[in-house]
C-alpha atoms as a PDB file:
ATOM      1  CA  UNK A   1       2.381 -18.254   2.577  1.00  0.00           C
ATOM      2  CA  UNK A   2       3.482 -17.243   6.045  1.00  0.00           C
ATOM      3  CA  UNK A   3      -0.063 -16.226   6.974  1.00  0.00           C
ATOM      4  CA  UNK A   4      -1.488 -19.555   5.804  1.00  0.00           C
ATOM      5  CA  UNK A   5       1.120 -21.548   7.738  1.00  0.00           C
ATOM      6  CA  UNK A   6       0.613 -19.554  10.920  1.00  0.00           C
ATOM      7  CA  UNK A   7      -3.165 -19.920  10.788  1.00  0.00           C
ATOM      8  CA  UNK A   8      -2.889 -23.674  10.133  1.00  0.00           C
ATOM      9  CA  UNK A   9      -0.568 -24.105  13.125  1.00  0.00           C
ATOM     10  CA  UNK A  10      -2.862 -22.104  15.393  1.00  0.00           C
ATOM     11  CA  UNK A  11      -5.922 -24.047  14.191  1.00  0.00           C
ATOM     12  CA  UNK A  12      -4.233 -27.209  15.459  1.00  0.00           C
ATOM     13  CA  UNK A  13      -3.276 -25.567  18.774  1.00  0.00           C
ATOM     14  CA  UNK A  14       0.412 -26.099  18.079  1.00  0.00           C
ATOM     15  CA  UNK A  15       3.137 -23.769  19.293  1.00  0.00           C
ATOM     16  CA  UNK A  16       5.989 -22.653  17.084  1.00  0.00           C
ATOM     17  CA  UNK A  17       8.279 -24.682  19.323  1.00  0.00           C
ATOM     18  CA  UNK A  18       6.313 -27.889  18.797  1.00  0.00           C
ATOM     19  CA  UNK A  19       6.325 -27.508  15.024  1.00  0.00           C
ATOM     20  CA  UNK A  20      10.002 -26.544  14.966  1.00  0.00           C
ATOM     21  CA  UNK A  21      10.945 -29.587  17.052  1.00  0.00           C
ATOM     22  CA  UNK A  22       9.097 -31.977  14.746  1.00  0.00           C
ATOM     23  CA  UNK A  23      10.890 -30.501  11.738  1.00  0.00           C
ATOM     24  CA  UNK A  24      14.325 -30.328  13.308  1.00  0.00           C
ATOM     25  CA  UNK A  25      14.868 -26.605  13.069  1.00  0.00           C
ATOM     26  CA  UNK A  26      14.883 -23.698  15.508  1.00  0.00           C
ATOM     27  CA  UNK A  27      11.913 -21.723  16.818  1.00  0.00           C
ATOM     28  CA  UNK A  28      13.431 -18.601  15.251  1.00  0.00           C
ATOM     29  CA  UNK A  29      13.417 -20.338  11.850  1.00  0.00           C
ATOM     30  CA  UNK A  30       9.737 -21.206  12.268  1.00  0.00           C
ATOM     31  CA  UNK A  31       8.989 -17.643  13.351  1.00  0.00           C
ATOM     32  CA  UNK A  32      10.794 -16.172  10.331  1.00  0.00           C
ATOM     33  CA  UNK A  33       9.000 -18.579   8.015  1.00  0.00           C
ATOM     34  CA  UNK A  34       5.605 -17.453   9.325  1.00  0.00           C
ATOM     35  CA  UNK A  35       6.659 -13.866   8.617  1.00  0.00           C
ATOM     36  CA  UNK A  36       7.413 -14.813   5.029  1.00  0.00           C
ATOM     37  CA  UNK A  37      11.200 -14.765   5.487  1.00  0.00           C
ATOM     38  CA  UNK A  38      12.257 -17.994   3.816  1.00  0.00           C
ATOM     39  CA  UNK A  39      16.043 -17.699   4.182  1.00  0.00           C
ATOM     40  CA  UNK A  40      17.669 -21.078   3.461  1.00  0.00           C
ATOM     41  CA  UNK A  41      14.413 -23.031   3.473  1.00  0.00           C
ATOM     42  CA  UNK A  42      14.041 -25.501   0.570  1.00  0.00           C
ATOM     43  CA  UNK A  43      11.037 -26.868  -1.321  1.00  0.00           C
ATOM     44  CA  UNK A  44      11.112 -30.169   0.553  1.00  0.00           C
ATOM     45  CA  UNK A  45      11.162 -28.322   3.892  1.00  0.00           C
ATOM     46  CA  UNK A  46       7.887 -26.641   2.948  1.00  0.00           C
ATOM     47  CA  UNK A  47       6.438 -30.011   1.898  1.00  0.00           C
ATOM     48  CA  UNK A  48       7.467 -31.564   5.229  1.00  0.00           C
ATOM     49  CA  UNK A  49       5.955 -28.625   7.122  1.00  0.00           C
ATOM     50  CA  UNK A  50       2.699 -28.916   5.191  1.00  0.00           C
ATOM     51  CA  UNK A  51       2.444 -32.628   6.008  1.00  0.00           C
ATOM     52  CA  UNK A  52       3.054 -31.825   9.673  1.00  0.00           C
ATOM     53  CA  UNK A  53       0.176 -29.345   9.545  1.00  0.00           C
ATOM     54  CA  UNK A  54      -2.126 -31.844   7.831  1.00  0.00           C
ATOM     55  CA  UNK A  55      -2.338 -30.193   4.407  1.00  0.00           C
ATOM     56  CA  UNK A  56      -3.575 -32.298   1.497  1.00  0.00           C
ATOM     57  CA  UNK A  57      -1.601 -32.615  -1.744  1.00  0.00           C
ATOM     58  CA  UNK A  58      -3.403 -29.728  -3.445  1.00  0.00           C
ATOM     59  CA  UNK A  59      -2.804 -27.281  -0.616  1.00  0.00           C
ATOM     60  CA  UNK A  60       0.780 -28.469  -0.203  1.00  0.00           C
ATOM     61  CA  UNK A  61       1.417 -27.796  -3.892  1.00  0.00           C
ATOM     62  CA  UNK A  62      -0.118 -24.339  -3.475  1.00  0.00           C
ATOM     63  CA  UNK A  63       2.177 -23.570  -0.533  1.00  0.00           C
ATOM     64  CA  UNK A  64       5.237 -24.717  -2.470  1.00  0.00           C
ATOM     65  CA  UNK A  65       4.104 -22.498  -5.341  1.00  0.00           C
ATOM     66  CA  UNK A  66       3.825 -19.505  -3.017  1.00  0.00           C
ATOM     67  CA  UNK A  67       7.238 -20.341  -1.595  1.00  0.00           C
ATOM     68  CA  UNK A  68       8.838 -20.347  -5.042  1.00  0.00           C
ATOM     69  CA  UNK A  69       7.022 -17.157  -5.987  1.00  0.00           C
ATOM     70  CA  UNK A  70       8.304 -15.460  -2.844  1.00  0.00           C
ATOM     71  CA  UNK A  71      11.865 -16.226  -3.843  1.00  0.00           C
ATOM     72  CA  UNK A  72      11.566 -14.458  -7.178  1.00  0.00           C
ATOM     73  CA  UNK A  73      12.861 -10.954  -7.580  1.00  0.00           C
ATOM     74  CA  UNK A  74      10.020  -8.473  -7.936  1.00  0.00           C
ATOM     75  CA  UNK A  75      10.160  -5.407 -10.166  1.00  0.00           C
ATOM     76  CA  UNK A  76      10.759  -3.086  -7.203  1.00  0.00           C
ATOM     77  CA  UNK A  77      13.788  -5.016  -5.923  1.00  0.00           C
ATOM     78  CA  UNK A  78      16.031  -3.170  -8.383  1.00  0.00           C
ATOM     79  CA  UNK A  79      15.153   0.005  -6.455  1.00  0.00           C
ATOM     80  CA  UNK A  80      16.328  -1.481  -3.165  1.00  0.00           C
ATOM     81  CA  UNK A  81      18.945   1.232  -2.725  1.00  0.00           C
ATOM     82  CA  UNK A  82      16.280   3.966  -2.523  1.00  0.00           C
ATOM     83  CA  UNK A  83      13.442   2.096  -0.779  1.00  0.00           C
ATOM     84  CA  UNK A  84      13.389   2.198   3.034  1.00  0.00           C
ATOM     85  CA  UNK A  85      13.180  -1.347   4.412  1.00  0.00           C
ATOM     86  CA  UNK A  86       9.728  -0.846   5.949  1.00  0.00           C
ATOM     87  CA  UNK A  87       8.301   0.688   2.762  1.00  0.00           C
ATOM     88  CA  UNK A  88       9.579  -2.274   0.751  1.00  0.00           C
ATOM     89  CA  UNK A  89       6.905  -4.284   2.578  1.00  0.00           C
ATOM     90  CA  UNK A  90       4.228  -1.781   1.558  1.00  0.00           C
ATOM     91  CA  UNK A  91       5.133  -1.932  -2.126  1.00  0.00           C
ATOM     92  CA  UNK A  92       4.840  -5.715  -2.015  1.00  0.00           C
ATOM     93  CA  UNK A  93       1.414  -5.491  -0.376  1.00  0.00           C
ATOM     94  CA  UNK A  94       0.310  -2.744  -2.752  1.00  0.00           C
ATOM     95  CA  UNK A  95       1.318  -4.809  -5.780  1.00  0.00           C
ATOM     96  CA  UNK A  96      -0.765  -7.786  -4.626  1.00  0.00           C
ATOM     97  CA  UNK A  97      -3.828  -5.913  -3.356  1.00  0.00           C
ATOM     98  CA  UNK A  98      -7.189  -5.996  -5.089  1.00  0.00           C
ATOM     99  CA  UNK A  99      -8.442  -2.791  -3.469  1.00  0.00           C
ATOM    100  CA  UNK A 100      -6.665   0.129  -1.793  1.00  0.00           C
ATOM    101  CA  UNK A 101      -8.237   2.993   0.144  1.00  0.00           C
ATOM    102  CA  UNK A 102      -5.930   5.895   0.990  1.00  0.00           C
ATOM    103  CA  UNK A 103      -6.411   8.994   3.122  1.00  0.00           C
ATOM    104  CA  UNK A 104      -3.828  11.786   2.849  1.00  0.00           C
ATOM    105  CA  UNK A 105      -4.386  15.004   4.800  1.00  0.00           C
ATOM    106  CA  UNK A 106      -1.025  16.496   3.851  1.00  0.00           C
ATOM    107  CA  UNK A 107       0.162  15.667   0.337  1.00  0.00           C
ATOM    108  CA  UNK A 108      -0.975  13.794  -2.764  1.00  0.00           C
ATOM    109  CA  UNK A 109      -0.207  10.055  -2.354  1.00  0.00           C
ATOM    110  CA  UNK A 110       2.941   8.878  -4.099  1.00  0.00           C
ATOM    111  CA  UNK A 111       1.056   6.518  -6.394  1.00  0.00           C
ATOM    112  CA  UNK A 112      -0.856   9.492  -7.870  1.00  0.00           C
ATOM    113  CA  UNK A 113       1.935  12.076  -8.008  1.00  0.00           C
ATOM    114  CA  UNK A 114       3.299  13.628 -11.170  1.00  0.00           C
ATOM    115  CA  UNK A 115       7.052  13.321 -11.706  1.00  0.00           C
ATOM    116  CA  UNK A 116       7.629  17.052 -11.216  1.00  0.00           C
ATOM    117  CA  UNK A 117       5.595  17.200  -7.982  1.00  0.00           C
ATOM    118  CA  UNK A 118       7.437  14.108  -6.684  1.00  0.00           C
ATOM    119  CA  UNK A 119      10.802  15.658  -7.540  1.00  0.00           C
ATOM    120  CA  UNK A 120      10.139  18.752  -5.433  1.00  0.00           C
ATOM    121  CA  UNK A 121       9.012  16.748  -2.393  1.00  0.00           C
ATOM    122  CA  UNK A 122      11.773  14.133  -2.616  1.00  0.00           C
ATOM    123  CA  UNK A 123      14.469  16.759  -3.053  1.00  0.00           C
ATOM    124  CA  UNK A 124      13.349  18.284   0.265  1.00  0.00           C
ATOM    125  CA  UNK A 125      12.766  14.993   2.097  1.00  0.00           C
ATOM    126  CA  UNK A 126      16.032  13.388   0.936  1.00  0.00           C
ATOM    127  CA  UNK A 127      18.434  16.362   0.885  1.00  0.00           C
ATOM    128  CA  UNK A 128      21.564  14.193   0.761  1.00  0.00           C
ATOM    129  CA  UNK A 129      20.448  12.279  -2.348  1.00  0.00           C
ATOM    130  CA  UNK A 130      22.498  12.575  -5.494  1.00  0.00           C
ATOM    131  CA  UNK A 131      20.678  13.571  -8.664  1.00  0.00           C
ATOM    132  CA  UNK A 132      20.811   9.926  -9.779  1.00  0.00           C
ATOM    133  CA  UNK A 133      19.223   8.713  -6.529  1.00  0.00           C
ATOM    134  CA  UNK A 134      16.529  11.358  -6.802  1.00  0.00           C
ATOM    135  CA  UNK A 135      15.694  10.259 -10.336  1.00  0.00           C
ATOM    136  CA  UNK A 136      15.452   6.638  -9.174  1.00  0.00           C
ATOM    137  CA  UNK A 137      12.985   7.610  -6.457  1.00  0.00           C
ATOM    138  CA  UNK A 138      10.854   9.369  -9.041  1.00  0.00           C
ATOM    139  CA  UNK A 139      11.107   6.406 -11.416  1.00  0.00           C
ATOM    140  CA  UNK A 140       9.969   4.104  -8.612  1.00  0.00           C
ATOM    141  CA  UNK A 141       6.855   6.214  -8.006  1.00  0.00           C
ATOM    142  CA  UNK A 142       6.035   6.239 -11.697  1.00  0.00           C
ATOM    143  CA  UNK A 143       6.401   2.441 -11.906  1.00  0.00           C
ATOM    144  CA  UNK A 144       4.139   1.998  -8.878  1.00  0.00           C
ATOM    145  CA  UNK A 145       1.364   3.567 -10.946  1.00  0.00           C
ATOM    146  CA  UNK A 146       1.332   0.575 -13.304  1.00  0.00           C
ATOM    147  CA  UNK A 147      -0.915  -1.410 -10.953  1.00  0.00           C
ATOM    148  CA  UNK A 148      -3.735   1.133 -11.363  1.00  0.00           C
ATOM    149  CA  UNK A 149      -3.189   2.055 -15.024  1.00  0.00           C
ATOM    150  CA  UNK A 150      -2.645  -1.387 -16.578  1.00  0.00           C
ATOM    151  CA  UNK A 151      -5.385  -2.638 -18.901  1.00  0.00           C
ATOM    152  CA  UNK A 152      -5.701  -6.123 -17.419  1.00  0.00           C
ATOM    153  CA  UNK A 153      -7.248  -6.301 -13.948  1.00  0.00           C
ATOM    154  CA  UNK A 154      -6.044  -2.962 -12.547  1.00  0.00           C
ATOM    155  CA  UNK A 155      -6.139  -2.481  -8.792  1.00  0.00           C
ATOM    156  CA  UNK A 156      -9.158  -0.536  -7.555  1.00  0.00           C
ATOM    157  CA  UNK A 157      -8.097   2.535  -5.585  1.00  0.00           C
ATOM    158  CA  UNK A 158     -10.026   5.238  -3.757  1.00  0.00           C
ATOM    159  CA  UNK A 159      -8.118   8.231  -2.451  1.00  0.00           C
ATOM    160  CA  UNK A 160      -9.344  11.061  -0.250  1.00  0.00           C
ATOM    161  CA  UNK A 161      -7.117  14.145  -0.083  1.00  0.00           C
ATOM    162  CA  UNK A 162      -7.601  17.173   2.140  1.00  0.00           C
ATOM    163  CA  UNK A 163      -8.369  20.296   0.134  1.00  0.00           C
ATOM    164  CA  UNK A 164      -5.606  22.125   1.994  1.00  0.00           C
ATOM    165  CA  UNK A 165      -2.999  19.729   0.585  1.00  0.00           C
ATOM    166  CA  UNK A 166      -3.890  20.930  -2.908  1.00  0.00           C
ATOM    167  CA  UNK A 167      -3.707  24.606  -1.988  1.00  0.00           C
ATOM    168  CA  UNK A 168      -0.178  24.397  -0.590  1.00  0.00           C
ATOM    169  CA  UNK A 169       2.302  25.493  -3.229  1.00  0.00           C
ATOM    170  CA  UNK A 170       4.762  22.674  -3.924  1.00  0.00           C
ATOM    171  CA  UNK A 171       7.383  23.902  -6.355  1.00  0.00           C
ATOM    172  CA  UNK A 172       5.758  26.272  -8.816  1.00  0.00           C
ATOM    173  CA  UNK A 173       2.184  27.242  -9.755  1.00  0.00           C
ATOM    174  CA  UNK A 174       2.637  25.333 -13.007  1.00  0.00           C
ATOM    175  CA  UNK A 175       3.547  22.153 -11.126  1.00  0.00           C
ATOM    176  CA  UNK A 176       0.426  22.478  -8.981  1.00  0.00           C
ATOM    177  CA  UNK A 177      -1.817  23.229 -11.963  1.00  0.00           C
ATOM    178  CA  UNK A 178      -0.452  20.207 -13.832  1.00  0.00           C
ATOM    179  CA  UNK A 179      -0.930  18.037 -10.747  1.00  0.00           C
ATOM    180  CA  UNK A 180      -4.579  19.036 -10.297  1.00  0.00           C
ATOM    181  CA  UNK A 181      -5.265  18.506 -13.995  1.00  0.00           C
ATOM    182  CA  UNK A 182      -3.562  15.104 -13.812  1.00  0.00           C
ATOM    183  CA  UNK A 183      -5.712  14.062 -10.823  1.00  0.00           C
ATOM    184  CA  UNK A 184      -8.897  15.235 -12.517  1.00  0.00           C
ATOM    185  CA  UNK A 185      -8.080  13.242 -15.653  1.00  0.00           C
ATOM    186  CA  UNK A 186      -7.172  10.096 -13.749  1.00  0.00           C
ATOM    187  CA  UNK A 187     -10.366  10.291 -11.696  1.00  0.00           C
ATOM    188  CA  UNK A 188     -12.321   9.484 -14.862  1.00  0.00           C
ATOM    189  CA  UNK A 189     -10.846   5.969 -14.926  1.00  0.00           C
ATOM    190  CA  UNK A 190     -13.346   3.363 -13.693  1.00  0.00           C
ATOM    191  CA  UNK A 191     -10.959   1.885 -11.103  1.00  0.00           C
ATOM    192  CA  UNK A 192      -9.667   5.208  -9.728  1.00  0.00           C
ATOM    193  CA  UNK A 193     -11.767   7.292  -7.345  1.00  0.00           C
ATOM    194  CA  UNK A 194     -10.344  10.610  -6.158  1.00  0.00           C
ATOM    195  CA  UNK A 195     -12.308  12.659  -3.663  1.00  0.00           C
ATOM    196  CA  UNK A 196     -11.512  15.886  -1.874  1.00  0.00           C
ATOM    197  CA  UNK A 197     -12.204  16.526   1.802  1.00  0.00           C
ATOM    198  CA  UNK A 198     -13.177  20.223   1.848  1.00  0.00           C
ATOM    199  CA  UNK A 199     -11.682  22.534   4.449  1.00  0.00           C
ATOM    200  CA  UNK A 200     -15.219  23.271   5.626  1.00  0.00           C
ATOM    201  CA  UNK A 201     -15.575  19.632   6.768  1.00  0.00           C
ATOM    202  CA  UNK A 202     -13.378  20.318   9.792  1.00  0.00           C
ATOM    203  CA  UNK A 203     -12.364  17.121  11.606  1.00  0.00           C
ATOM    204  CA  UNK A 204     -14.909  14.444  10.632  1.00  0.00           C
ATOM    205  CA  UNK A 205     -13.190  11.853  12.825  1.00  0.00           C
ATOM    206  CA  UNK A 206     -13.274  14.154  15.854  1.00  0.00           C
ATOM    207  CA  UNK A 207      -9.621  15.143  15.710  1.00  0.00           C
ATOM    208  CA  UNK A 208      -6.577  15.134  13.431  1.00  0.00           C
ATOM    209  CA  UNK A 209      -5.872  11.803  11.717  1.00  0.00           C
ATOM    210  CA  UNK A 210      -2.582  11.095   9.979  1.00  0.00           C
ATOM    211  CA  UNK A 211      -2.187   9.391   6.596  1.00  0.00           C
ATOM    212  CA  UNK A 212      -3.221   5.760   6.300  1.00  0.00           C
ATOM    213  CA  UNK A 213      -4.103   3.132   3.724  1.00  0.00           C
ATOM    214  CA  UNK A 214      -6.428   0.139   3.895  1.00  0.00           C
ATOM    215  CA  UNK A 215      -5.289  -2.742   1.697  1.00  0.00           C
ATOM    216  CA  UNK A 216      -7.587  -5.615   0.790  1.00  0.00           C
ATOM    217  CA  UNK A 217      -6.589  -8.716  -1.149  1.00  0.00           C
ATOM    218  CA  UNK A 218      -8.142 -11.144  -3.650  1.00  0.00           C
ATOM    219  CA  UNK A 219     -10.370 -13.964  -2.443  1.00  0.00           C
ATOM    220  CA  UNK A 220      -9.939 -17.690  -3.021  1.00  0.00           C
ATOM    221  CA  UNK A 221     -12.521 -20.038  -4.530  1.00  0.00           C
ATOM    222  CA  UNK A 222     -14.289 -20.298  -1.175  1.00  0.00           C
ATOM    223  CA  UNK A 223     -14.603 -16.518  -0.961  1.00  0.00           C
ATOM    224  CA  UNK A 224     -12.040 -16.106   1.809  1.00  0.00           C
ATOM    225  CA  UNK A 225      -9.371 -13.395   1.409  1.00  0.00           C
ATOM    226  CA  UNK A 226      -5.939 -14.851   0.633  1.00  0.00           C
ATOM    227  CA  UNK A 227      -4.453 -12.288   3.027  1.00  0.00           C
ATOM    228  CA  UNK A 228      -6.013 -10.424   5.949  1.00  0.00           C
ATOM    229  CA  UNK A 229      -6.799  -6.739   5.524  1.00  0.00           C
ATOM    230  CA  UNK A 230      -3.759  -4.613   6.345  1.00  0.00           C
ATOM    231  CA  UNK A 231      -3.759  -1.043   7.642  1.00  0.00           C
ATOM    232  CA  UNK A 232      -0.656   0.909   6.674  1.00  0.00           C
ATOM    233  CA  UNK A 233       0.031   3.930   8.868  1.00  0.00           C
ATOM    234  CA  UNK A 234       2.752   6.338   7.798  1.00  0.00           C
ATOM    235  CA  UNK A 235       4.524   8.593  10.291  1.00  0.00           C
ATOM    236  CA  UNK A 236       7.469  10.950  10.027  1.00  0.00           C
ATOM    237  CA  UNK A 237       9.799   8.518  11.818  1.00  0.00           C
ATOM    238  CA  UNK A 238       8.537   5.169  10.549  1.00  0.00           C
ATOM    239  CA  UNK A 239       5.689   2.989   9.340  1.00  0.00           C
ATOM    240  CA  UNK A 240       3.243   0.614  11.017  1.00  0.00           C
ATOM    241  CA  UNK A 241       1.381  -2.380   9.602  1.00  0.00           C
ATOM    242  CA  UNK A 242      -1.761  -3.284  11.547  1.00  0.00           C
ATOM    243  CA  UNK A 243      -3.763  -6.494  11.120  1.00  0.00           C
ATOM    244  CA  UNK A 244      -5.473  -6.815  14.507  1.00  0.00           C
ATOM    245  CA  UNK A 245      -9.241  -6.841  14.032  1.00  0.00           C
ATOM    246  CA  UNK A 246      -9.805  -4.036  16.530  1.00  0.00           C
ATOM    247  CA  UNK A 247      -7.252  -1.814  14.753  1.00  0.00           C
ATOM    248  CA  UNK A 248      -8.744  -2.581  11.352  1.00  0.00           C
ATOM    249  CA  UNK A 249     -12.214  -1.802  12.680  1.00  0.00           C
ATOM    250  CA  UNK A 250     -11.106   1.586  14.071  1.00  0.00           C
ATOM    251  CA  UNK A 251      -9.505   2.629  10.801  1.00  0.00           C
ATOM    252  CA  UNK A 252     -12.509   1.451   8.809  1.00  0.00           C
ATOM    253  CA  UNK A 253     -14.681   3.666  11.013  1.00  0.00           C
ATOM    254  CA  UNK A 254     -12.319   6.594  10.467  1.00  0.00           C
ATOM    255  CA  UNK A 255     -12.375   5.964   6.715  1.00  0.00           C
ATOM    256  CA  UNK A 256     -16.182   5.843   6.684  1.00  0.00           C
ATOM    257  CA  UNK A 257     -16.392   9.202   8.472  1.00  0.00           C
ATOM    258  CA  UNK A 258     -13.886  10.858   6.142  1.00  0.00           C
ATOM    259  CA  UNK A 259     -15.645   9.313   3.158  1.00  0.00           C
ATOM    260  CA  UNK A 260     -19.016  10.641   4.343  1.00  0.00           C
ATOM    261  CA  UNK A 261     -17.618  14.177   4.715  1.00  0.00           C
ATOM    262  CA  UNK A 262     -15.738  14.261   1.399  1.00  0.00           C
ATOM    263  CA  UNK A 263     -17.085  15.773  -1.805  1.00  0.00           C
ATOM    264  CA  UNK A 264     -18.507  13.254  -4.252  1.00  0.00           C
ATOM    265  CA  UNK A 265     -16.473  12.289  -7.311  1.00  0.00           C
ATOM    266  CA  UNK A 266     -18.116  14.806  -9.651  1.00  0.00           C
ATOM    267  CA  UNK A 267     -17.717  17.741  -7.255  1.00  0.00           C
ATOM    268  CA  UNK A 268     -14.149  16.666  -6.488  1.00  0.00           C
ATOM    269  CA  UNK A 269     -13.261  16.559 -10.178  1.00  0.00           C
ATOM    270  CA  UNK A 270     -14.842  19.968 -10.679  1.00  0.00           C
ATOM    271  CA  UNK A 271     -12.776  21.416  -7.820  1.00  0.00           C
ATOM    272  CA  UNK A 272      -9.593  19.880  -9.220  1.00  0.00           C
ATOM    273  CA  UNK A 273     -10.221  21.465 -12.615  1.00  0.00           C
ATOM    274  CA  UNK A 274     -10.953  24.801 -10.949  1.00  0.00           C
ATOM    275  CA  UNK A 275      -7.685  24.600  -9.014  1.00  0.00           C
ATOM    276  CA  UNK A 276      -5.838  23.784 -12.236  1.00  0.00           C
ATOM    277  CA  UNK A 277      -7.148  27.018 -13.765  1.00  0.00           C
ATOM    278  CA  UNK A 278      -6.729  29.337 -10.791  1.00  0.00           C
ATOM    279  CA  UNK A 279      -4.918  32.517 -11.753  1.00  0.00           C
ATOM    280  CA  UNK A 280      -2.855  32.274  -8.555  1.00  0.00           C
ATOM    281  CA  UNK A 281      -1.265  29.062  -9.871  1.00  0.00           C
ATOM    282  CA  UNK A 282      -0.023  30.785 -13.004  1.00  0.00           C
ATOM    283  CA  UNK A 283       3.526  31.983 -13.120  1.00  0.00           C
ATOM    284  CA  UNK A 284       4.040  35.603 -14.131  1.00  0.00           C
END
């Protein structure tokens, strides 16, 4: 909703201040609204704003519908105590995406992790967590998987993982063997593509690239995306969400290079099954 309202205002060459003045609220309120932060805004405020921006009745009704939808509690809100504020945004985007492309050079992405693999990583990353908090983090990751495993209109996802990430022992050999077997099995689903970037590929982008995801969204009846493509960049100290066309273009180029260097789906699945059977993964 916020994206639609911002674009409509800009199309009419109006500033946030001009719109705010006509509606009798502050510039900060208008700014928050365009970021999707509705606060104390009411239905009739949205209707008034839509009329100011020249929306017809159909589009106004659609905006009010989005406004009401935004006020509903989503499934992940019950995990608010264990979701960092910035990652809460990602889960919302992830849940509404139509296609997700993920590159992870270091670990298996959370949405594909097994519970036991996730437990080892989260116990290290969140050392002060109680056992209950740890279990909630794991439960959250397992629930995130519903968007790619549901029968009706599952999200399409393609993941590229560095081979080295699968050869690093996380927990026990059994955990790693189960993880590789799990990934191989899931890669047979029509909406899930898992590919491995072999160590022999070196740096296909020309240097080290950290983890990122490209999120694309459904299109309306005119074929236009309901939301712009978002690049999610994860770092050790925080997250970034990029929408600028030049940023999106750079990450698409990086993705294309990594994609070109990765093993195809059949070879990747074969490698995963080989890793799952490696004698070095077996506990003695």
